[in-house]
Amino acid sequence: MRDEDCVAFLRWALPRLHMRWGGFRRVRSQVCKRLGRRLRDVGLERLSEYRTYLESHPEEWRELDARCRISISRFGRDRSVWTALRERVLPVLARSLRDRDEAVLRAWSIGCAAGEEPYTLALLWHLYLRPWFPGLSLRITATDSDEAQLRRAREALYPASSLRELPPELRAVGFERAQPGFRLRPRFRGSVRFEAGDVRNGLIEGRLHLVLCRNLVFTYFDDALQREILDGLIARLAPGGALVIGTHERLPAGASNLTEWLPCVYRSAP
């Protein structure tokens, strides 16, 4: 499959999935390889034929959508964001909850892939924050639309490459060797609950103090869908809660009730 053919196809198909080509530009090779495999599965040779196939088989759009999921994740990805969470965001949220006599800090990791993001949050909490807030617990709901990724997350077994951005002390304390890589120790898994879910189809219930929405909604979805999901997230955030986005993302224009707190971190009105 020629790159120019794949690009032309994605420019045609992605808007029909409420996605934006700009988000896929640098990662398109992953999608193009999957498209090549799908063509073989349905007995087609060219993307022009697949375009006709999509128009005559509406159910095939679900198959295409599944092949446009990008799963690039590592523990501690974007270290500056995790430093801000550890040193600024989590302590402020925890103190606020303690002052209100609340016992649970509720977080949501959207598009959690194989669990690297929510488990990083759990590691930071247990090793750096929990000793200072003994009466407060962290509960993380982690969702993804890919069941295979969720199975990996629950297994908590990772190759060494997934841990390369973690500080050495977190790697040493948080993981034990297990073939073919490293497994997160059980005591760091209990605060994370994994659920199948697509943020486009609805948000989780309840008020949230921290939402990690990084490298998904504000990268791959079109503007209208971004605004719709953002409005829902703002409604879910507890007063003073924090929304974290990706380092290369920006919120759509007109976001209300949020102020920029730190780079990539926004806070709802107290």
C-alpha atoms as a PDB file:
ATOM      1  CA  MET A   1       0.000   0.000   0.000  1.00  0.00           C
ATOM      2  CA  ARG A   2       1.441   3.337  -1.040  1.00  0.00           C
ATOM      3  CA  ASP A   3       1.576   6.034   1.618  1.00  0.00           C
ATOM      4  CA  GLU A   4      -0.158   8.574  -0.618  1.00  0.00           C
ATOM      5  CA  ASP A   5      -3.059   6.175  -1.174  1.00  0.00           C
ATOM      6  CA  CYS A   6      -3.451   5.607   2.560  1.00  0.00           C
ATOM      7  CA  VAL A   7      -3.303   9.344   3.273  1.00  0.00           C
ATOM      8  CA  ALA A   8      -5.986  10.061   0.673  1.00  0.00           C
ATOM      9  CA  PHE A   9      -8.198   7.351   2.131  1.00  0.00           C
ATOM     10  CA  LEU A  10      -7.777   8.594   5.716  1.00  0.00           C
ATOM     11  CA  ARG A  11      -8.547  12.168   4.665  1.00  0.00           C
ATOM     12  CA  TRP A  12     -11.822  10.862   3.246  1.00  0.00           C
ATOM     13  CA  ALA A  13     -12.739   8.399   6.008  1.00  0.00           C
ATOM     14  CA  LEU A  14     -11.661  10.051   9.262  1.00  0.00           C
ATOM     15  CA  PRO A  15     -14.179  12.958   9.160  1.00  0.00           C
ATOM     16  CA  ARG A  16     -16.957  10.382   8.827  1.00  0.00           C
ATOM     17  CA  LEU A  17     -15.751   8.896  12.112  1.00  0.00           C
ATOM     18  CA  HIS A  18     -15.646  12.366  13.734  1.00  0.00           C
ATOM     19  CA  MET A  19     -11.865  12.227  13.751  1.00  0.00           C
ATOM     20  CA  ARG A  20      -9.304  14.683  12.390  1.00  0.00           C
ATOM     21  CA  TRP A  21      -6.526  13.908   9.951  1.00  0.00           C
ATOM     22  CA  GLY A  22      -4.062  16.213  11.737  1.00  0.00           C
ATOM     23  CA  GLY A  23      -3.956  13.915  14.747  1.00  0.00           C
ATOM     24  CA  PHE A  24      -3.048  10.902  12.635  1.00  0.00           C
ATOM     25  CA  ARG A  25      -0.424  12.487  10.418  1.00  0.00           C
ATOM     26  CA  ARG A  26       2.599  11.274  12.382  1.00  0.00           C
ATOM     27  CA  VAL A  27       1.175   7.902  13.459  1.00  0.00           C
ATOM     28  CA  ARG A  28      -0.560   6.926  10.236  1.00  0.00           C
ATOM     29  CA  SER A  29       1.807   4.030   9.532  1.00  0.00           C
ATOM     30  CA  GLN A  30       0.186   2.073  12.397  1.00  0.00           C
ATOM     31  CA  VAL A  31      -3.267   2.584  10.882  1.00  0.00           C
ATOM     32  CA  CYS A  32      -2.099   1.914   7.325  1.00  0.00           C
ATOM     33  CA  LYS A  33      -0.655  -1.471   8.309  1.00  0.00           C
ATOM     34  CA  ARG A  34      -3.949  -2.413   9.916  1.00  0.00           C
ATOM     35  CA  LEU A  35      -5.827  -1.286   6.816  1.00  0.00           C
ATOM     36  CA  GLY A  36      -3.626  -3.524   4.685  1.00  0.00           C
ATOM     37  CA  ARG A  37      -4.515  -6.504   6.857  1.00  0.00           C
ATOM     38  CA  ARG A  38      -8.209  -5.631   6.733  1.00  0.00           C
ATOM     39  CA  LEU A  39      -8.132  -5.468   2.936  1.00  0.00           C
ATOM     40  CA  ARG A  40      -6.773  -9.019   2.859  1.00  0.00           C
ATOM     41  CA  ASP A  41      -9.440 -10.145   5.349  1.00  0.00           C
ATOM     42  CA  VAL A  42     -12.286  -8.957   3.111  1.00  0.00           C
ATOM     43  CA  GLY A  43     -10.624 -10.052  -0.132  1.00  0.00           C
ATOM     44  CA  LEU A  44      -9.822  -6.633  -1.567  1.00  0.00           C
ATOM     45  CA  GLU A  45      -6.643  -5.290  -3.152  1.00  0.00           C
ATOM     46  CA  ARG A  46      -6.973  -1.508  -3.205  1.00  0.00           C
ATOM     47  CA  LEU A  47      -8.266   1.160  -0.852  1.00  0.00           C
ATOM     48  CA  SER A  48     -10.481   2.513  -3.611  1.00  0.00           C
ATOM     49  CA  GLU A  49     -12.273  -0.847  -3.498  1.00  0.00           C
ATOM     50  CA  TYR A  50     -12.485  -0.664   0.281  1.00  0.00           C
ATOM     51  CA  ARG A  51     -14.076   2.778   0.046  1.00  0.00           C
ATOM     52  CA  THR A  52     -16.815   1.309  -2.154  1.00  0.00           C
ATOM     53  CA  TYR A  53     -17.112  -1.618   0.272  1.00  0.00           C
ATOM     54  CA  LEU A  54     -17.655   0.769   3.194  1.00  0.00           C
ATOM     55  CA  GLU A  55     -20.398   2.607   1.344  1.00  0.00           C
ATOM     56  CA  SER A  56     -22.260  -0.646   0.684  1.00  0.00           C
ATOM     57  CA  HIS A  57     -21.559  -2.298   4.071  1.00  0.00           C
ATOM     58  CA  PRO A  58     -22.394   0.222   6.828  1.00  0.00           C
ATOM     59  CA  GLU A  59     -21.408  -2.244   9.564  1.00  0.00           C
ATOM     60  CA  GLU A  60     -17.829  -2.144   8.274  1.00  0.00           C
ATOM     61  CA  TRP A  61     -17.382   1.360   9.693  1.00  0.00           C
ATOM     62  CA  ARG A  62     -17.147  -0.223  13.160  1.00  0.00           C
ATOM     63  CA  GLU A  63     -14.271  -2.369  11.915  1.00  0.00           C
ATOM     64  CA  LEU A  64     -12.530   0.664  10.471  1.00  0.00           C
ATOM     65  CA  ASP A  65     -13.049   2.631  13.674  1.00  0.00           C
ATOM     66  CA  ALA A  66     -11.393  -0.157  15.680  1.00  0.00           C
ATOM     67  CA  ARG A  67      -8.365  -0.001  13.389  1.00  0.00           C
ATOM     68  CA  CYS A  68      -7.968   3.727  13.974  1.00  0.00           C
ATOM     69  CA  ARG A  69      -7.231   3.347  17.675  1.00  0.00           C
ATOM     70  CA  ILE A  70      -3.727   4.510  18.496  1.00  0.00           C
ATOM     71  CA  SER A  71      -2.177   2.868  21.551  1.00  0.00           C
ATOM     72  CA  ILE A  72       1.170   4.480  22.318  1.00  0.00           C
ATOM     73  CA  SER A  73       1.763   4.505  26.050  1.00  0.00           C
ATOM     74  CA  ARG A  74       4.600   4.165  28.558  1.00  0.00           C
ATOM     75  CA  PHE A  75       4.987   4.501  32.291  1.00  0.00           C
ATOM     76  CA  GLY A  76       5.792   8.090  33.219  1.00  0.00           C
ATOM     77  CA  ARG A  77       5.312   9.375  29.667  1.00  0.00           C
ATOM     78  CA  ASP A  78       5.948  13.144  29.592  1.00  0.00           C
ATOM     79  CA  ARG A  79       7.899  13.332  32.831  1.00  0.00           C
ATOM     80  CA  SER A  80       7.241  17.056  33.373  1.00  0.00           C
ATOM     81  CA  VAL A  81       3.502  16.362  33.643  1.00  0.00           C
ATOM     82  CA  TRP A  82       4.037  13.647  36.250  1.00  0.00           C
ATOM     83  CA  THR A  83       6.385  15.905  38.186  1.00  0.00           C
ATOM     84  CA  ALA A  84       3.678  18.573  38.273  1.00  0.00           C
ATOM     85  CA  LEU A  85       1.118  16.028  39.427  1.00  0.00           C
ATOM     86  CA  ARG A  86       3.373  14.740  42.197  1.00  0.00           C
ATOM     87  CA  GLU A  87       4.627  18.104  43.452  1.00  0.00           C
ATOM     88  CA  ARG A  88       1.703  20.455  42.842  1.00  0.00           C
ATOM     89  CA  VAL A  89      -1.588  18.960  41.716  1.00  0.00           C
ATOM     90  CA  LEU A  90      -2.025  15.907  43.927  1.00  0.00           C
ATOM     91  CA  PRO A  91      -0.928  17.657  47.148  1.00  0.00           C
ATOM     92  CA  VAL A  92      -3.365  20.524  46.534  1.00  0.00           C
ATOM     93  CA  LEU A  93      -6.237  18.163  45.744  1.00  0.00           C
ATOM     94  CA  ALA A  94      -5.436  15.990  48.754  1.00  0.00           C
ATOM     95  CA  ARG A  95      -5.260  18.924  51.169  1.00  0.00           C
ATOM     96  CA  SER A  96      -8.558  20.240  49.865  1.00  0.00           C
ATOM     97  CA  LEU A  97     -10.247  16.885  50.423  1.00  0.00           C
ATOM     98  CA  ARG A  98      -8.718  16.537  53.877  1.00  0.00           C
ATOM     99  CA  ASP A  99      -9.951  19.985  54.833  1.00  0.00           C
ATOM    100  CA  ARG A 100     -13.472  18.951  53.777  1.00  0.00           C
ATOM    101  CA  ASP A 101     -13.236  15.687  55.714  1.00  0.00           C
ATOM    102  CA  GLU A 102     -13.532  13.614  52.531  1.00  0.00           C
ATOM    103  CA  ALA A 103     -11.840  10.230  52.436  1.00  0.00           C
ATOM    104  CA  VAL A 104     -11.493   9.394  48.717  1.00  0.00           C
ATOM    105  CA  LEU A 105      -9.733  11.127  45.837  1.00  0.00           C
ATOM    106  CA  ARG A 106     -11.492   9.935  42.677  1.00  0.00           C
ATOM    107  CA  ALA A 107      -9.606   9.918  39.369  1.00  0.00           C
ATOM    108  CA  TRP A 108     -10.414   8.816  35.821  1.00  0.00           C
ATOM    109  CA  SER A 109      -7.852   7.720  33.227  1.00  0.00           C
ATOM    110  CA  ILE A 110      -9.456   7.967  29.770  1.00  0.00           C
ATOM    111  CA  GLY A 111      -8.043   5.755  27.035  1.00  0.00           C
ATOM    112  CA  CYS A 112      -5.814   3.934  29.494  1.00  0.00           C
ATOM    113  CA  ALA A 113      -4.387   1.454  26.928  1.00  0.00           C
ATOM    114  CA  ALA A 114      -2.496  -1.309  28.789  1.00  0.00           C
ATOM    115  CA  GLY A 115      -2.652   0.519  32.115  1.00  0.00           C
ATOM    116  CA  GLU A 116       0.619   2.444  32.073  1.00  0.00           C
ATOM    117  CA  GLU A 117      -1.003   5.803  32.869  1.00  0.00           C
ATOM    118  CA  PRO A 118      -3.279   4.824  35.781  1.00  0.00           C
ATOM    119  CA  TYR A 119      -0.587   2.607  37.271  1.00  0.00           C
ATOM    120  CA  THR A 120       1.903   5.496  37.106  1.00  0.00           C
ATOM    121  CA  LEU A 121      -0.589   7.606  39.028  1.00  0.00           C
ATOM    122  CA  ALA A 122      -1.020   4.824  41.591  1.00  0.00           C
ATOM    123  CA  LEU A 123       2.750   4.527  42.028  1.00  0.00           C
ATOM    124  CA  LEU A 124       3.146   8.256  42.626  1.00  0.00           C
ATOM    125  CA  TRP A 125       0.317   8.273  45.125  1.00  0.00           C
ATOM    126  CA  HIS A 126       1.467   5.316  47.176  1.00  0.00           C
ATOM    127  CA  LEU A 127       5.148   6.235  47.249  1.00  0.00           C
ATOM    128  CA  TYR A 128       5.038  10.021  47.564  1.00  0.00           C
ATOM    129  CA  LEU A 129       1.606  11.210  48.716  1.00  0.00           C
ATOM    130  CA  ARG A 130      -0.042   8.522  50.804  1.00  0.00           C
ATOM    131  CA  PRO A 131       2.394   8.835  53.752  1.00  0.00           C
ATOM    132  CA  TRP A 132       1.394  12.507  54.108  1.00  0.00           C
ATOM    133  CA  PHE A 133      -2.357  11.865  53.835  1.00  0.00           C
ATOM    134  CA  PRO A 134      -2.966   8.642  55.804  1.00  0.00           C
ATOM    135  CA  GLY A 135      -6.726   9.148  56.021  1.00  0.00           C
ATOM    136  CA  LEU A 136      -7.184   9.573  52.289  1.00  0.00           C
ATOM    137  CA  SER A 137      -7.384   6.870  49.622  1.00  0.00           C
ATOM    138  CA  LEU A 138      -7.067   7.063  45.843  1.00  0.00           C
ATOM    139  CA  ARG A 139      -9.557   5.348  43.543  1.00  0.00           C
ATOM    140  CA  ILE A 140      -8.776   5.312  39.848  1.00  0.00           C
ATOM    141  CA  THR A 141     -11.233   4.238  37.174  1.00  0.00           C
ATOM    142  CA  ALA A 142      -9.342   3.416  33.977  1.00  0.00           C
ATOM    143  CA  THR A 143     -11.273   2.909  30.738  1.00  0.00           C
ATOM    144  CA  ASP A 144     -10.416   1.858  27.219  1.00  0.00           C
ATOM    145  CA  SER A 145     -12.404   0.601  24.244  1.00  0.00           C
ATOM    146  CA  ASP A 146      -9.885  -2.132  23.377  1.00  0.00           C
ATOM    147  CA  GLU A 147     -10.512  -5.342  25.318  1.00  0.00           C
ATOM    148  CA  ALA A 148      -7.098  -6.748  24.395  1.00  0.00           C
ATOM    149  CA  GLN A 149      -5.418  -3.747  25.975  1.00  0.00           C
ATOM    150  CA  LEU A 150      -7.532  -4.094  29.097  1.00  0.00           C
ATOM    151  CA  ARG A 151      -6.498  -7.730  29.444  1.00  0.00           C
ATOM    152  CA  ARG A 152      -2.857  -6.629  29.336  1.00  0.00           C
ATOM    153  CA  ALA A 153      -3.597  -3.952  31.933  1.00  0.00           C
ATOM    154  CA  ARG A 154      -5.109  -6.448  34.358  1.00  0.00           C
ATOM    155  CA  GLU A 155      -2.146  -8.768  33.864  1.00  0.00           C
ATOM    156  CA  ALA A 156       0.218  -5.842  34.655  1.00  0.00           C
ATOM    157  CA  LEU A 157       3.176  -7.416  32.819  1.00  0.00           C
ATOM    158  CA  TYR A 158       5.322  -5.079  30.710  1.00  0.00           C
ATOM    159  CA  PRO A 159       8.480  -5.125  28.598  1.00  0.00           C
ATOM    160  CA  ALA A 160      11.469  -3.120  29.797  1.00  0.00           C
ATOM    161  CA  SER A 161      10.842  -0.512  27.084  1.00  0.00           C
ATOM    162  CA  SER A 162       7.551   0.476  28.750  1.00  0.00           C
ATOM    163  CA  LEU A 163       9.413   1.439  31.939  1.00  0.00           C
ATOM    164  CA  ARG A 164      12.278   3.412  30.445  1.00  0.00           C
ATOM    165  CA  GLU A 165      10.866   6.847  31.362  1.00  0.00           C
ATOM    166  CA  LEU A 166      10.239   5.974  35.011  1.00  0.00           C
ATOM    167  CA  PRO A 167      12.748   7.226  37.604  1.00  0.00           C
ATOM    168  CA  PRO A 168      15.002   4.353  38.772  1.00  0.00           C
ATOM    169  CA  GLU A 169      13.563   4.389  42.287  1.00  0.00           C
ATOM    170  CA  LEU A 170      10.042   3.806  40.970  1.00  0.00           C
ATOM    171  CA  ARG A 171      11.196   0.947  38.772  1.00  0.00           C
ATOM    172  CA  ALA A 172      13.001  -0.678  41.674  1.00  0.00           C
ATOM    173  CA  VAL A 173      10.180  -0.384  44.190  1.00  0.00           C
ATOM    174  CA  GLY A 174       7.230  -0.795  41.872  1.00  0.00           C
ATOM    175  CA  PHE A 175       8.143  -3.831  39.788  1.00  0.00           C
ATOM    176  CA  GLU A 176       9.410  -7.374  40.070  1.00  0.00           C
ATOM    177  CA  ARG A 177      11.048  -9.372  37.312  1.00  0.00           C
ATOM    178  CA  ALA A 178       8.695 -11.730  35.499  1.00  0.00           C
ATOM    179  CA  GLN A 179       9.101 -13.319  32.085  1.00  0.00           C
ATOM    180  CA  PRO A 180       9.157 -11.760  29.594  1.00  0.00           C
ATOM    181  CA  GLY A 181       9.641  -8.452  31.426  1.00  0.00           C
ATOM    182  CA  PHE A 182       8.473  -6.755  34.605  1.00  0.00           C
ATOM    183  CA  ARG A 183       5.249  -7.070  36.577  1.00  0.00           C
ATOM    184  CA  LEU A 184       3.795  -4.314  38.735  1.00  0.00           C
ATOM    185  CA  ARG A 185       3.753  -5.419  42.349  1.00  0.00           C
ATOM    186  CA  PRO A 186       0.248  -6.288  43.634  1.00  0.00           C
ATOM    187  CA  ARG A 187       0.173  -3.600  46.317  1.00  0.00           C
ATOM    188  CA  PHE A 188       0.149  -0.886  43.635  1.00  0.00           C
ATOM    189  CA  ARG A 189      -2.728  -2.362  41.648  1.00  0.00           C
ATOM    190  CA  GLY A 190      -5.550  -2.254  44.177  1.00  0.00           C
ATOM    191  CA  SER A 191      -6.470   1.383  43.674  1.00  0.00           C
ATOM    192  CA  VAL A 192      -7.093   0.928  39.917  1.00  0.00           C
ATOM    193  CA  ARG A 193     -10.301  -0.503  38.451  1.00  0.00           C
ATOM    194  CA  PHE A 194     -10.326  -1.221  34.709  1.00  0.00           C
ATOM    195  CA  GLU A 195     -13.528  -0.982  32.707  1.00  0.00           C
ATOM    196  CA  ALA A 196     -14.388  -1.265  29.029  1.00  0.00           C
ATOM    197  CA  GLY A 197     -15.617   2.094  27.801  1.00  0.00           C
ATOM    198  CA  ASP A 198     -15.456   4.525  24.901  1.00  0.00           C
ATOM    199  CA  VAL A 199     -15.561   8.164  25.989  1.00  0.00           C
ATOM    200  CA  ARG A 200     -17.512   8.973  22.817  1.00  0.00           C
ATOM    201  CA  ASN A 201     -20.400   6.860  24.117  1.00  0.00           C
ATOM    202  CA  GLY A 202     -20.673   8.384  27.572  1.00  0.00           C
ATOM    203  CA  LEU A 203     -18.815   9.353  30.709  1.00  0.00           C
ATOM    204  CA  ILE A 204     -18.449   7.437  33.937  1.00  0.00           C
ATOM    205  CA  GLU A 205     -20.776   8.304  36.787  1.00  0.00           C
ATOM    206  CA  GLY A 206     -19.951  10.373  39.827  1.00  0.00           C
ATOM    207  CA  ARG A 207     -17.926  13.441  40.675  1.00  0.00           C
ATOM    208  CA  LEU A 208     -14.234  13.398  39.868  1.00  0.00           C
ATOM    209  CA  HIS A 209     -11.317  15.224  41.418  1.00  0.00           C
ATOM    210  CA  LEU A 210      -8.801  14.385  38.706  1.00  0.00           C
ATOM    211  CA  VAL A 211      -9.301  13.494  35.044  1.00  0.00           C
ATOM    212  CA  LEU A 212      -6.416  12.326  32.852  1.00  0.00           C
ATOM    213  CA  CYS A 213      -7.541  12.897  29.264  1.00  0.00           C
ATOM    214  CA  ARG A 214      -4.243  12.835  27.411  1.00  0.00           C
ATOM    215  CA  ASN A 215      -3.377  12.129  23.785  1.00  0.00           C
ATOM    216  CA  LEU A 216      -6.817  10.981  22.712  1.00  0.00           C
ATOM    217  CA  VAL A 217      -9.811  13.333  22.658  1.00  0.00           C
ATOM    218  CA  PHE A 218      -7.914  16.529  21.901  1.00  0.00           C
ATOM    219  CA  THR A 219      -5.598  14.857  19.398  1.00  0.00           C
ATOM    220  CA  TYR A 220      -7.756  12.547  17.291  1.00  0.00           C
ATOM    221  CA  PHE A 221     -11.374  13.724  17.572  1.00  0.00           C
ATOM    222  CA  ASP A 222     -12.900  16.509  15.500  1.00  0.00           C
ATOM    223  CA  ASP A 223     -13.701  19.910  16.989  1.00  0.00           C
ATOM    224  CA  ALA A 224     -17.400  19.308  17.578  1.00  0.00           C
ATOM    225  CA  LEU A 225     -16.782  16.027  19.379  1.00  0.00           C
ATOM    226  CA  GLN A 226     -13.991  17.599  21.431  1.00  0.00           C
ATOM    227  CA  ARG A 227     -16.320  20.329  22.662  1.00  0.00           C
ATOM    228  CA  GLU A 228     -19.094  17.846  23.457  1.00  0.00           C
ATOM    229  CA  ILE A 229     -16.797  15.630  25.526  1.00  0.00           C
ATOM    230  CA  LEU A 230     -15.135  18.592  27.230  1.00  0.00           C
ATOM    231  CA  ASP A 231     -18.513  19.942  28.342  1.00  0.00           C
ATOM    232  CA  GLY A 232     -19.268  16.566  29.886  1.00  0.00           C
ATOM    233  CA  LEU A 233     -15.917  16.410  31.663  1.00  0.00           C
ATOM    234  CA  ILE A 234     -16.374  19.882  33.107  1.00  0.00           C
ATOM    235  CA  ALA A 235     -19.767  18.833  34.429  1.00  0.00           C
ATOM    236  CA  ARG A 236     -18.188  15.776  36.097  1.00  0.00           C
ATOM    237  CA  LEU A 237     -15.322  17.663  37.758  1.00  0.00           C
ATOM    238  CA  ALA A 238     -15.774  18.423  41.433  1.00  0.00           C
ATOM    239  CA  PRO A 239     -15.167  22.044  42.484  1.00  0.00           C
ATOM    240  CA  GLY A 240     -11.446  22.696  42.262  1.00  0.00           C
ATOM    241  CA  GLY A 241     -10.876  19.464  40.331  1.00  0.00           C
ATOM    242  CA  ALA A 242      -8.134  19.088  37.729  1.00  0.00           C
ATOM    243  CA  LEU A 243      -8.178  18.103  34.053  1.00  0.00           C
ATOM    244  CA  VAL A 244      -4.860  16.981  32.533  1.00  0.00           C
ATOM    245  CA  ILE A 245      -4.311  16.925  28.751  1.00  0.00           C
ATOM    246  CA  GLY A 246      -1.390  15.984  26.517  1.00  0.00           C
ATOM    247  CA  THR A 247       1.701  18.102  26.091  1.00  0.00           C
ATOM    248  CA  HIS A 248       0.923  18.722  22.406  1.00  0.00           C
ATOM    249  CA  GLU A 249      -2.807  19.272  22.895  1.00  0.00           C
ATOM    250  CA  ARG A 250      -4.950  22.337  23.430  1.00  0.00           C
ATOM    251  CA  LEU A 251      -8.520  22.685  24.582  1.00  0.00           C
ATOM    252  CA  PRO A 252     -11.119  23.789  22.033  1.00  0.00           C
ATOM    253  CA  ALA A 253     -12.040  27.461  22.080  1.00  0.00           C
ATOM    254  CA  GLY A 254     -14.760  28.554  24.445  1.00  0.00           C
ATOM    255  CA  ALA A 255     -14.067  26.158  27.311  1.00  0.00           C
ATOM    256  CA  SER A 256     -15.862  27.617  30.316  1.00  0.00           C
ATOM    257  CA  ASN A 257     -15.406  27.090  34.046  1.00  0.00           C
ATOM    258  CA  LEU A 258     -11.774  26.037  33.581  1.00  0.00           C
ATOM    259  CA  THR A 259      -8.616  28.030  34.201  1.00  0.00           C
ATOM    260  CA  GLU A 260      -5.083  27.038  33.247  1.00  0.00           C
ATOM    261  CA  TRP A 261      -3.289  25.933  36.397  1.00  0.00           C
ATOM    262  CA  LEU A 262      -0.028  24.544  35.062  1.00  0.00           C
ATOM    263  CA  PRO A 263       1.150  23.509  31.603  1.00  0.00           C
ATOM    264  CA  CYS A 264      -1.292  20.794  30.448  1.00  0.00           C
ATOM    265  CA  VAL A 265      -3.336  21.124  33.666  1.00  0.00           C
ATOM    266  CA  TYR A 266      -6.654  22.972  34.005  1.00  0.00           C
ATOM    267  CA  ARG A 267      -8.714  23.486  37.121  1.00  0.00           C
ATOM    268  CA  SER A 268     -12.427  23.903  37.626  1.00  0.00           C
ATOM    269  CA  ALA A 269     -13.846  26.743  39.697  1.00  0.00           C
ATOM    270  CA  PRO A 270     -13.675  26.067  43.482  1.00  0.00           C
END
